[in-house]
């Protein structure tokens, strides 16, 4: 069982700045960690999501969509005091998006039973850095530590973290086995560092995770393990939309580690790392496939081809 914790939101995507005199949006299920969960479920891993929605129409719709993706929803709480999260994504002429959020302020209070039978725990996004979510996440992380469950963290930052967010990152890191960050994440975390991937990776390594991964977009990915640094190339595809590429990469990482029987913190610490290049290459392929269509989900034919090669 892979357990993931993150935000559940309804995402409204529009191109109003480009073509529409009025406002028009198409709705879908959003949330970075939730996109990772959906891919893991599609490739056959038992997947459980921990989160919360409002006790409203949008919350019921979101729960139905999550369940329809074969993700266990027992630990997605419907809360009457919390409105289901909304995000507007306004795509500009060059494909850039502007994000607008409406969030509640209630404290995240996950059930300890959500960690039952977990072989891996994954969390991330800016949701993890909101003060209201910190204690609940730390509770799950402490259970993971107690039961030797490996933890991956994908910060997926939208802005540079302030002092409070940095403090939360530092509280999380002792529990993290695999830190995965994008080049933009690393730049936001270390804005004064030279804009060199190797230097940025060295800074990420200092945060203390046994395995540290830096994604480079079309250029591939880098990783640091013990005293080694390695790099794998990107995969050339015709890009339609980069949304969801990072989440797909995270899914590829988790799948790869579990495929190689790395389902304990101790196992990762003692690991020789010989299969890390293959795991990185697999994750790069999955991210690239996701970029070939609009939206955050990889297309079925591409996912099947990926499965035949790496499954």
Protein backbone atom coordinates (compact mmCIF):
# COMPACT_ATOMS: atom_id res chain seq x y z
CA UNK A 1 0.00 0.00 0.00
CA UNK A 2 1.29 3.45 -0.98
CA UNK A 3 -0.14 6.16 1.28
CA UNK A 4 -0.12 9.75 0.05
CA UNK A 5 -1.17 12.94 1.82
CA UNK A 6 -1.97 16.22 0.14
CA UNK A 7 -4.61 18.65 -0.99
CA UNK A 8 -7.80 17.80 -2.81
CA UNK A 9 -9.09 20.60 -4.96
CA UNK A 10 -11.28 21.35 -7.94
CA UNK A 11 -9.23 22.96 -10.67
CA UNK A 12 -10.83 25.32 -13.17
CA UNK A 13 -8.72 25.85 -16.30
CA UNK A 14 -9.33 28.69 -18.73
CA UNK A 15 -7.74 30.61 -21.59
CA UNK A 16 -9.72 33.78 -21.07
CA UNK A 17 -6.73 36.08 -21.49
CA UNK A 18 -6.25 34.69 -24.99
CA UNK A 19 -9.60 34.18 -26.65
CA UNK A 20 -12.70 34.85 -24.57
CA UNK A 21 -14.51 38.18 -24.06
CA UNK A 22 -16.24 36.52 -21.08
CA UNK A 23 -15.00 33.97 -18.57
CA UNK A 24 -15.10 30.26 -19.41
CA UNK A 25 -13.52 27.39 -17.47
CA UNK A 26 -13.35 23.61 -17.69
CA UNK A 27 -13.32 21.83 -14.34
CA UNK A 28 -11.30 18.83 -13.23
CA UNK A 29 -9.74 17.20 -10.20
CA UNK A 30 -6.59 18.92 -8.98
CA UNK A 31 -3.86 18.56 -6.38
CA UNK A 32 -0.23 17.71 -7.08
CA UNK A 33 0.04 14.71 -4.75
CA UNK A 34 -3.36 13.49 -5.89
CA UNK A 35 -2.07 13.39 -9.49
CA UNK A 36 0.82 11.20 -8.31
CA UNK A 37 -1.65 8.93 -6.52
CA UNK A 38 -3.78 8.56 -9.64
CA UNK A 39 -0.80 7.39 -11.72
CA UNK A 40 0.33 4.90 -9.07
CA UNK A 41 -3.19 3.45 -8.97
CA UNK A 42 -3.24 3.20 -12.77
CA UNK A 43 -0.05 1.12 -12.78
CA UNK A 44 -1.54 -1.31 -10.29
CA UNK A 45 -0.19 -0.26 -6.90
CA UNK A 46 -2.68 -0.29 -4.01
CA UNK A 47 -3.04 3.42 -3.29
CA UNK A 48 -4.59 5.30 -0.38
CA UNK A 49 -5.05 9.06 -0.15
CA UNK A 50 -5.22 11.09 3.07
CA UNK A 51 -6.80 14.51 2.82
CA UNK A 52 -9.97 16.49 3.28
CA UNK A 53 -12.80 18.04 1.29
CA UNK A 54 -15.75 20.20 2.17
CA UNK A 55 -19.10 18.64 2.97
CA UNK A 56 -20.57 20.14 -0.17
CA UNK A 57 -21.38 19.31 -3.80
CA UNK A 58 -17.80 19.87 -4.96
CA UNK A 59 -16.48 17.66 -2.17
CA UNK A 60 -18.85 14.83 -3.09
CA UNK A 61 -17.89 15.21 -6.75
CA UNK A 62 -14.16 15.13 -5.89
CA UNK A 63 -14.56 12.01 -3.73
CA UNK A 64 -16.39 10.25 -6.56
CA UNK A 65 -13.61 11.15 -8.98
CA UNK A 66 -10.88 9.95 -6.61
CA UNK A 67 -12.68 6.66 -5.99
CA UNK A 68 -13.20 6.28 -9.73
CA UNK A 69 -9.42 6.44 -10.13
CA UNK A 70 -9.16 3.31 -7.93
CA UNK A 71 -7.72 5.27 -5.02
CA UNK A 72 -8.88 4.34 -1.51
CA UNK A 73 -10.80 7.28 -0.03
CA UNK A 74 -11.58 6.04 3.51
CA UNK A 75 -9.22 8.65 4.95
CA UNK A 76 -10.36 11.62 2.89
CA UNK A 77 -12.51 13.43 5.44
CA UNK A 78 -15.57 15.43 4.48
CA UNK A 79 -15.67 18.39 6.85
CA UNK A 80 -18.66 20.72 7.17
CA UNK A 81 -16.47 23.60 8.38
CA UNK A 82 -14.18 23.41 5.36
CA UNK A 83 -15.10 24.51 1.86
CA UNK A 84 -13.72 22.29 -0.91
CA UNK A 85 -10.60 23.95 -2.25
CA UNK A 86 -10.73 25.73 -5.60
CA UNK A 87 -7.93 26.74 -7.92
CA UNK A 88 -8.24 28.83 -11.06
CA UNK A 89 -5.58 28.21 -13.67
CA UNK A 90 -5.54 30.96 -16.28
CA UNK A 91 -3.35 29.94 -19.20
CA UNK A 92 -1.57 32.80 -20.93
CA UNK A 93 -0.40 33.20 -24.49
CA UNK A 94 2.85 31.34 -23.80
CA UNK A 95 1.26 28.58 -21.77
CA UNK A 96 2.07 30.09 -18.38
CA UNK A 97 -0.60 29.90 -15.72
CA UNK A 98 -1.81 32.26 -13.04
CA UNK A 99 -3.12 30.54 -9.92
CA UNK A 100 -5.84 31.73 -7.54
CA UNK A 101 -6.80 29.76 -4.44
CA UNK A 102 -9.62 29.79 -1.92
CA UNK A 103 -8.77 27.78 1.20
CA UNK A 104 -10.24 27.11 4.59
CA UNK A 105 -8.29 27.50 7.83
CA UNK A 106 -9.23 24.37 9.77
CA UNK A 107 -6.47 22.18 11.15
CA UNK A 108 -5.56 19.00 9.23
CA UNK A 109 -6.26 16.06 11.56
CA UNK A 110 -5.53 12.72 9.86
CA UNK A 111 -6.48 9.35 11.31
CA UNK A 112 -3.50 7.25 12.46
CA UNK A 113 -5.12 4.20 10.89
CA UNK A 114 -4.37 5.70 7.47
CA UNK A 115 -0.83 4.33 7.79
CA UNK A 116 -1.94 0.70 8.22
CA UNK A 117 -0.11 -1.66 5.84
CA UNK A 118 1.83 1.21 4.28
CA UNK A 119 4.94 0.28 2.28
CA UNK A 120 5.63 3.89 1.28
CA UNK A 121 4.45 7.36 2.34
CA UNK A 122 4.53 10.37 0.01
CA UNK A 123 3.57 13.98 0.66
CA UNK A 124 4.27 17.41 -0.74
CA UNK A 125 3.22 20.59 -2.54
CA UNK A 126 2.77 23.99 -0.98
CA UNK A 127 -0.13 22.43 0.94
CA UNK A 128 2.45 20.71 3.15
CA UNK A 129 3.94 24.09 4.06
CA UNK A 130 0.69 25.65 5.27
CA UNK A 131 0.85 26.07 9.02
CA UNK A 132 -2.55 24.44 9.55
CA UNK A 133 -1.32 21.15 8.06
CA UNK A 134 2.05 20.80 9.79
CA UNK A 135 1.09 18.99 12.99
CA UNK A 136 -1.12 16.48 11.20
CA UNK A 137 1.61 15.68 8.71
CA UNK A 138 4.19 15.32 11.47
CA UNK A 139 1.88 12.83 13.18
CA UNK A 140 1.85 10.67 10.02
CA UNK A 141 5.62 11.06 9.61
CA UNK A 142 6.23 9.89 13.17
CA UNK A 143 4.19 6.75 12.47
CA UNK A 144 6.22 6.19 9.30
CA UNK A 145 9.45 6.48 11.29
CA UNK A 146 8.21 4.12 14.01
CA UNK A 147 7.29 1.46 11.45
CA UNK A 148 10.34 1.87 9.18
CA UNK A 149 8.24 3.18 6.26
CA UNK A 150 10.21 5.13 3.64
CA UNK A 151 9.01 8.67 2.99
CA UNK A 152 9.29 10.79 -0.15
CA UNK A 153 8.76 14.55 -0.24
CA UNK A 154 8.09 16.67 -3.33
CA UNK A 155 7.84 20.34 -2.28
CA UNK A 156 6.46 21.48 -5.69
CA UNK A 157 6.88 25.13 -4.70
CA UNK A 158 4.98 27.95 -6.35
CA UNK A 159 6.89 30.71 -4.51
CA UNK A 160 10.06 30.95 -2.44
CA UNK A 161 9.36 29.79 1.13
CA UNK A 162 9.26 32.33 3.90
CA UNK A 163 10.70 31.78 7.37
CA UNK A 164 7.74 29.75 8.64
CA UNK A 165 7.70 27.52 5.56
CA UNK A 166 11.46 26.96 5.84
CA UNK A 167 11.00 25.99 9.47
CA UNK A 168 8.37 23.43 8.45
CA UNK A 169 10.65 21.97 5.77
CA UNK A 170 13.39 21.56 8.37
CA UNK A 171 10.96 19.81 10.72
CA UNK A 172 9.95 17.38 7.97
CA UNK A 173 13.40 16.53 6.64
CA UNK A 174 14.57 14.13 9.41
CA UNK A 175 11.70 11.83 8.36
CA UNK A 176 12.38 12.02 4.59
CA UNK A 177 14.13 9.16 2.79
CA UNK A 178 13.80 10.55 -0.75
CA UNK A 179 13.71 14.27 -1.53
CA UNK A 180 12.59 15.07 -5.08
CA UNK A 181 12.76 18.68 -6.22
CA UNK A 182 12.52 20.42 -9.57
CA UNK A 183 15.05 22.94 -10.79
CA UNK A 184 12.52 25.70 -10.04
CA UNK A 185 12.04 24.29 -6.52
CA UNK A 186 15.79 24.39 -5.93
CA UNK A 187 16.05 27.96 -7.24
CA UNK A 188 13.25 29.05 -4.91
CA UNK A 189 14.79 27.26 -1.95
CA UNK A 190 18.28 28.67 -2.60
CA UNK A 191 17.82 31.97 -4.47
CA UNK A 192 21.35 33.17 -3.61
CA UNK A 193 23.09 30.04 -4.91
CA UNK A 194 24.69 29.96 -8.38
CA UNK A 195 22.19 28.84 -11.00
CA UNK A 196 24.07 25.61 -11.68
CA UNK A 197 22.24 22.26 -11.32
CA UNK A 198 25.16 20.56 -9.60
CA UNK A 199 25.53 23.36 -7.06
CA UNK A 200 21.79 23.38 -6.42
CA UNK A 201 21.81 19.60 -5.96
CA UNK A 202 24.63 19.95 -3.44
CA UNK A 203 22.49 22.43 -1.48
CA UNK A 204 19.53 20.03 -1.56
CA UNK A 205 21.78 17.23 -0.28
CA UNK A 206 22.57 19.36 2.76
CA UNK A 207 18.91 19.05 3.80
CA UNK A 208 19.77 15.48 4.81
CA UNK A 209 17.71 12.99 2.78
CA UNK A 210 19.52 9.70 2.02
CA UNK A 211 18.46 10.01 -1.64
CA UNK A 212 18.14 13.42 -3.27
CA UNK A 213 16.76 13.90 -6.79
CA UNK A 214 16.76 17.06 -8.90
CA UNK A 215 14.63 17.12 -12.06
CA UNK A 216 15.86 19.22 -14.98
CA UNK A 217 12.86 19.25 -17.30
CA UNK A 218 13.76 18.30 -20.86
CA UNK A 219 17.40 17.86 -19.76
CA UNK A 220 16.58 14.83 -17.58
CA UNK A 221 17.38 14.41 -13.89
CA UNK A 222 20.23 14.27 -11.41
CA UNK A 223 20.51 12.39 -8.14
CA UNK A 224 22.83 12.21 -5.17
CA UNK A 225 23.22 9.06 -3.11
CA UNK A 226 25.90 8.76 -0.45
CA UNK A 227 28.98 10.31 -2.09
CA UNK A 228 27.80 9.68 -5.66
CA UNK A 229 26.17 12.06 -8.10
CA UNK A 230 24.67 10.79 -11.34
CA UNK A 231 22.69 12.18 -14.25
CA UNK A 232 20.32 10.67 -16.79
CA UNK A 233 19.18 12.39 -20.01
CA UNK A 234 15.70 13.55 -20.78
CA UNK A 235 13.35 11.92 -23.26
CA UNK A 236 12.51 13.81 -26.46
CA UNK A 237 8.79 14.17 -27.07
CA UNK A 238 6.45 16.66 -28.70
CA UNK A 239 5.29 18.71 -25.73
CA UNK A 240 1.61 19.64 -25.49
CA UNK A 241 1.43 20.55 -21.79
CA UNK A 242 3.95 20.26 -18.95
CA UNK A 243 1.28 20.17 -16.24
CA UNK A 244 1.65 16.99 -14.19
CA UNK A 245 5.17 16.13 -15.37
CA UNK A 246 6.67 16.54 -11.90
CA UNK A 247 3.92 14.50 -10.29
CA UNK A 248 4.40 11.76 -12.88
CA UNK A 249 8.13 11.75 -12.16
CA UNK A 250 7.37 11.27 -8.45
CA UNK A 251 5.08 8.35 -9.31
CA UNK A 252 7.86 6.81 -11.42
CA UNK A 253 10.33 7.16 -8.55
CA UNK A 254 8.03 5.53 -6.02
CA UNK A 255 7.13 2.74 -8.41
CA UNK A 256 10.80 2.14 -9.20
CA UNK A 257 11.89 1.96 -5.58
CA UNK A 258 9.11 -0.46 -4.70
CA UNK A 259 9.81 -2.59 -7.77
CA UNK A 260 13.38 -3.00 -6.50
CA UNK A 261 12.04 -4.09 -3.07
CA UNK A 262 13.09 -0.86 -1.36
CA UNK A 263 10.15 -0.62 1.00
CA UNK A 264 11.88 0.26 4.28
CA UNK A 265 13.91 3.21 5.54
CA UNK A 266 16.69 0.86 6.63
CA UNK A 267 16.70 -0.81 3.24
CA UNK A 268 17.29 2.55 1.54
CA UNK A 269 20.11 3.43 3.92
CA UNK A 270 21.85 0.08 3.30
CA UNK A 271 21.13 0.11 -0.44
CA UNK A 272 24.10 0.08 -2.82
CA UNK A 273 22.26 2.27 -5.34
CA UNK A 274 23.18 0.26 -8.44
CA UNK A 275 19.63 0.44 -9.83
CA UNK A 276 19.22 4.19 -9.23
CA UNK A 277 20.03 5.14 -12.88
CA UNK A 278 17.28 2.79 -14.11
CA UNK A 279 14.79 4.20 -11.62
CA UNK A 280 15.62 7.77 -12.70
CA UNK A 281 15.37 6.88 -16.38
CA UNK A 282 11.98 5.26 -15.81
CA UNK A 283 10.71 8.36 -13.98
CA UNK A 284 11.98 10.63 -16.79
CA UNK A 285 10.12 8.53 -19.36
CA UNK A 286 6.89 8.69 -17.38
CA UNK A 287 7.18 12.48 -17.00
CA UNK A 288 7.87 12.87 -20.74
CA UNK A 289 4.84 10.77 -21.69
CA UNK A 290 2.65 13.00 -19.52
CA UNK A 291 3.82 16.06 -21.48
CA UNK A 292 2.50 14.66 -24.78
CA UNK A 293 -1.15 15.46 -23.94
CA UNK A 294 -3.03 18.29 -22.27
CA UNK A 295 -3.67 17.86 -18.56
CA UNK A 296 -1.84 16.06 -15.75
CA UNK A 297 -2.59 12.42 -16.67
CA UNK A 298 -0.38 10.35 -19.00
CA UNK A 299 -2.24 8.91 -22.03
CA UNK A 300 -3.19 5.25 -21.92
CA UNK A 301 -1.10 4.12 -24.93
CA UNK A 302 1.99 5.87 -23.60
CA UNK A 303 1.46 4.51 -20.12
CA UNK A 304 1.08 0.99 -21.51
CA UNK A 305 4.33 1.38 -23.46
CA UNK A 306 6.06 2.63 -20.32
CA UNK A 307 4.71 -0.37 -18.39
CA UNK A 308 6.01 -2.81 -21.01
CA UNK A 309 9.47 -1.28 -20.77
CA UNK A 310 9.79 -0.62 -17.02
CA UNK A 311 6.98 -2.54 -15.33
